[in-house]
Every structure is written in structure tokens, then in C-alpha cells.
C-alpha atoms as a PDB file:
ATOM      1  CA  UNK A   1      26.373 -18.137 -18.666  1.00  0.00           C
ATOM      2  CA  UNK A   2      25.976 -14.406 -19.263  1.00  0.00           C
ATOM      3  CA  UNK A   3      24.718 -12.193 -16.442  1.00  0.00           C
ATOM      4  CA  UNK A   4      24.085  -8.509 -16.886  1.00  0.00           C
ATOM      5  CA  UNK A   5      25.670  -5.942 -14.598  1.00  0.00           C
ATOM      6  CA  UNK A   6      22.356  -5.392 -12.852  1.00  0.00           C
ATOM      7  CA  UNK A   7      21.893  -9.110 -12.191  1.00  0.00           C
ATOM      8  CA  UNK A   8      25.414  -9.333 -10.800  1.00  0.00           C
ATOM      9  CA  UNK A   9      24.769  -6.304  -8.590  1.00  0.00           C
ATOM     10  CA  UNK A  10      21.533  -7.776  -7.250  1.00  0.00           C
ATOM     11  CA  UNK A  11      23.162 -11.127  -6.545  1.00  0.00           C
ATOM     12  CA  UNK A  12      26.008  -9.411  -4.653  1.00  0.00           C
ATOM     13  CA  UNK A  13      23.523  -7.298  -2.717  1.00  0.00           C
ATOM     14  CA  UNK A  14      21.550 -10.392  -1.708  1.00  0.00           C
ATOM     15  CA  UNK A  15      24.773 -12.071  -0.568  1.00  0.00           C
ATOM     16  CA  UNK A  16      25.765  -9.040   1.507  1.00  0.00           C
ATOM     17  CA  UNK A  17      22.295  -8.573   3.019  1.00  0.00           C
ATOM     18  CA  UNK A  18      20.532 -11.925   3.314  1.00  0.00           C
ATOM     19  CA  UNK A  19      17.602 -10.365   5.202  1.00  0.00           C
ATOM     20  CA  UNK A  20      16.911  -7.866   2.421  1.00  0.00           C
ATOM     21  CA  UNK A  21      14.051  -9.816   0.865  1.00  0.00           C
ATOM     22  CA  UNK A  22      12.316 -10.263   4.222  1.00  0.00           C
ATOM     23  CA  UNK A  23      12.631  -6.514   4.878  1.00  0.00           C
ATOM     24  CA  UNK A  24      11.161  -5.766   1.459  1.00  0.00           C
ATOM     25  CA  UNK A  25       8.204  -8.076   2.111  1.00  0.00           C
ATOM     26  CA  UNK A  26       7.594  -6.475   5.518  1.00  0.00           C
ATOM     27  CA  UNK A  27       7.660  -2.993   3.954  1.00  0.00           C
ATOM     28  CA  UNK A  28       5.301  -4.080   1.209  1.00  0.00           C
ATOM     29  CA  UNK A  29       2.861  -5.492   3.725  1.00  0.00           C
ATOM     30  CA  UNK A  30       2.787  -2.157   5.570  1.00  0.00           C
ATOM     31  CA  UNK A  31       1.940  -0.143   2.472  1.00  0.00           C
ATOM     32  CA  UNK A  32       0.160  -2.397   0.015  1.00  0.00           C
ATOM     33  CA  UNK A  33      -1.303  -5.529   1.566  1.00  0.00           C
ATOM     34  CA  UNK A  34      -4.726  -4.619   2.898  1.00  0.00           C
ATOM     35  CA  UNK A  35      -7.179  -6.559   5.018  1.00  0.00           C
ATOM     36  CA  UNK A  36     -10.295  -7.860   3.251  1.00  0.00           C
ATOM     37  CA  UNK A  37     -13.153  -5.365   3.198  1.00  0.00           C
ATOM     38  CA  UNK A  38     -16.139  -6.184   5.404  1.00  0.00           C
ATOM     39  CA  UNK A  39     -19.100  -5.432   3.146  1.00  0.00           C
ATOM     40  CA  UNK A  40     -21.531  -4.862   6.014  1.00  0.00           C
ATOM     41  CA  UNK A  41     -19.191  -2.357   7.643  1.00  0.00           C
ATOM     42  CA  UNK A  42     -18.630  -0.616   4.321  1.00  0.00           C
ATOM     43  CA  UNK A  43     -22.379  -0.312   3.720  1.00  0.00           C
ATOM     44  CA  UNK A  44     -22.810   1.114   7.236  1.00  0.00           C
ATOM     45  CA  UNK A  45     -20.064   3.682   6.604  1.00  0.00           C
ATOM     46  CA  UNK A  46     -21.592   4.758   3.302  1.00  0.00           C
ATOM     47  CA  UNK A  47     -25.058   5.038   4.830  1.00  0.00           C
ATOM     48  CA  UNK A  48     -23.787   7.197   7.692  1.00  0.00           C
ATOM     49  CA  UNK A  49     -21.983   9.714   5.488  1.00  0.00           C
ATOM     50  CA  UNK A  50     -23.070  13.335   5.716  1.00  0.00           C
ATOM     51  CA  UNK A  51     -23.831  14.875   2.348  1.00  0.00           C
ATOM     52  CA  UNK A  52     -21.419  17.622   1.416  1.00  0.00           C
ATOM     53  CA  UNK A  53     -22.566  20.814  -0.263  1.00  0.00           C
ATOM     54  CA  UNK A  54     -21.236  21.454  -3.773  1.00  0.00           C
ATOM     55  CA  UNK A  55     -19.228  24.452  -2.623  1.00  0.00           C
ATOM     56  CA  UNK A  56     -17.817  23.684   0.810  1.00  0.00           C
ATOM     57  CA  UNK A  57     -16.774  27.211   1.797  1.00  0.00           C
ATOM     58  CA  UNK A  58     -20.213  28.763   1.318  1.00  0.00           C
ATOM     59  CA  UNK A  59     -22.770  27.555   3.797  1.00  0.00           C
ATOM     60  CA  UNK A  60     -26.268  28.920   3.390  1.00  0.00           C
ATOM     61  CA  UNK A  61     -27.461  28.856   6.998  1.00  0.00           C
END
């Protein structure tokens, strides 16, 4: 059965580092997997926002 060079490389890498997939999943969970959004909390945050002026650096006090 034919295997490309990349497939062979990945198979060798997985043999050399059996914990690689678990490390990848842990890294992914840190960056990408988010907790579900609490809609009540989100509505509270949006309601408590302070309106920003169109041009932030000029305040007409």
C-alpha cells in the first residue's frame, strides 16, 4: 500500500512521541475550546457598557 512521504513522517513522529496527540488536544483546548456563553451574563455585560464617543481622543467636557 502506497504511503506518501508526509504520511510516513507523521507515522514515525507518532511512534517517537506517543503523547503528541494528547499534547495537541490540550493546546487546542487552551486556545480554541470555549465555555458555553451564559446569556443572562452576556445581556448584563452589554447593558452595563459605557457608550464611547465617536472620536475617543477628543472629549468635550
